[in-house]
Amino acid sequence: MHPILWLILTILDIYFWILIAMVVMSWLVAFNIINNHNNFVRQVNYALYRLTDPVLRPIRRFLPDLGGLDISPIIAIIALQFIRYLVVYYGVRLL
């Protein structure tokens, strides 16, 4: 595999897991399993928010209000997987 393709796919995979971690973290905070008053939890939550918010904010603007349900991470993950398959499909053709 070409090194640039490998780098792009690795970055997409890492961002996928960051999105999953953000979703799990939000569930743990929402169900009061972990406490935001803990400094470590607050820092991890802040870091995940700063990493995912630039992608999720435009998606949230277009989605209708579904109450307390936020499906923007699901749409972001689907888009990320679509981009990943595009990179693989066209990257193999270029080689």
Protein backbone atom coordinates (compact mmCIF):
# COMPACT_ATOMS: atom_id res chain seq x y z
CA MET A 1 0.00 0.00 0.00
CA HIS A 2 1.18 3.48 -0.77
CA PRO A 3 2.41 5.37 2.31
CA ILE A 4 0.12 8.35 1.70
CA LEU A 5 -2.92 6.07 1.43
CA TRP A 6 -1.86 4.33 4.61
CA LEU A 7 -1.53 7.69 6.40
CA ILE A 8 -4.97 8.89 5.26
CA LEU A 9 -6.62 5.62 6.27
CA THR A 10 -4.89 5.64 9.64
CA ILE A 11 -6.04 9.19 10.35
CA LEU A 12 -9.61 8.27 9.39
CA ASP A 13 -9.47 5.20 11.65
CA ILE A 14 -8.14 7.22 14.59
CA TYR A 15 -10.87 9.82 14.15
CA PHE A 16 -13.45 7.03 14.02
CA TRP A 17 -12.30 5.80 17.43
CA ILE A 18 -12.26 9.36 18.78
CA LEU A 19 -15.91 9.71 17.75
CA ILE A 20 -16.75 6.40 19.45
CA ALA A 21 -14.93 7.53 22.62
CA MET A 22 -16.87 10.81 22.60
CA VAL A 23 -20.19 8.96 22.34
CA VAL A 24 -19.30 6.56 25.16
CA MET A 25 -18.06 9.44 27.32
CA SER A 26 -21.27 11.39 26.78
CA TRP A 27 -23.33 8.33 27.77
CA LEU A 28 -21.24 7.79 30.91
CA VAL A 29 -21.70 11.42 31.94
CA ALA A 30 -25.42 11.42 31.06
CA PHE A 31 -26.11 8.30 33.12
CA ASN A 32 -24.04 9.70 36.00
CA ILE A 33 -21.57 6.82 35.96
CA ILE A 34 -18.64 9.21 35.86
CA ASN A 35 -18.60 12.66 37.34
CA ASN A 36 -17.59 15.82 35.48
CA HIS A 37 -16.27 17.31 38.74
CA ASN A 38 -13.25 15.01 38.48
CA ASN A 39 -10.37 16.90 36.82
CA PHE A 40 -9.24 13.97 34.66
CA VAL A 41 -12.77 13.29 33.41
CA ARG A 42 -13.29 16.97 32.67
CA GLN A 43 -10.02 17.18 30.71
CA VAL A 44 -10.78 14.05 28.65
CA ASN A 45 -14.31 15.31 27.98
CA TYR A 46 -12.97 18.72 26.93
CA ALA A 47 -10.34 17.15 24.63
CA LEU A 48 -12.92 14.90 22.98
CA TYR A 49 -15.29 17.84 22.57
CA ARG A 50 -12.57 19.98 20.96
CA LEU A 51 -11.60 17.16 18.58
CA THR A 52 -15.12 16.26 17.48
CA ASP A 53 -17.05 19.52 17.61
CA PRO A 54 -15.69 20.99 14.33
CA VAL A 55 -17.09 17.97 12.47
CA LEU A 56 -20.29 17.53 14.45
CA ARG A 57 -21.37 21.19 14.67
CA PRO A 58 -22.23 21.56 10.93
CA ILE A 59 -24.11 18.26 11.02
CA ARG A 60 -26.12 19.38 14.05
CA ARG A 61 -27.17 22.56 12.23
CA PHE A 62 -28.90 20.56 9.50
CA LEU A 63 -30.55 17.97 11.73
CA PRO A 64 -34.02 18.56 13.15
CA ASP A 65 -34.42 18.76 16.92
CA LEU A 66 -34.96 15.22 18.19
CA GLY A 67 -35.22 16.12 21.86
CA GLY A 68 -32.35 14.67 23.84
CA LEU A 69 -31.23 12.36 21.04
CA ASP A 70 -28.11 13.41 19.14
CA ILE A 71 -27.57 11.37 15.98
CA SER A 72 -24.84 13.60 14.56
CA PRO A 73 -22.05 11.14 15.57
CA ILE A 74 -23.82 8.38 13.64
CA ILE A 75 -23.97 10.55 10.52
CA ALA A 76 -20.33 11.55 11.00
CA ILE A 77 -19.28 7.90 11.31
CA ILE A 78 -21.21 6.96 8.16
CA ALA A 79 -19.58 9.86 6.29
CA LEU A 80 -16.16 8.87 7.61
CA GLN A 81 -16.60 5.30 6.44
CA PHE A 82 -17.80 6.53 3.04
CA ILE A 83 -14.68 8.71 2.71
CA ARG A 84 -12.54 5.76 3.78
CA TYR A 85 -14.00 3.53 1.07
CA LEU A 86 -13.59 6.29 -1.52
CA VAL A 87 -9.92 6.64 -0.59
CA VAL A 88 -9.40 2.89 -0.88
CA TYR A 89 -11.33 2.60 -4.14
CA TYR A 90 -9.65 5.49 -5.94
CA GLY A 91 -6.29 5.00 -4.24
CA VAL A 92 -5.98 1.48 -5.59
CA ARG A 93 -6.86 2.72 -9.07
CA LEU A 94 -4.08 5.31 -8.95
CA LEU A 95 -1.41 2.74 -8.14
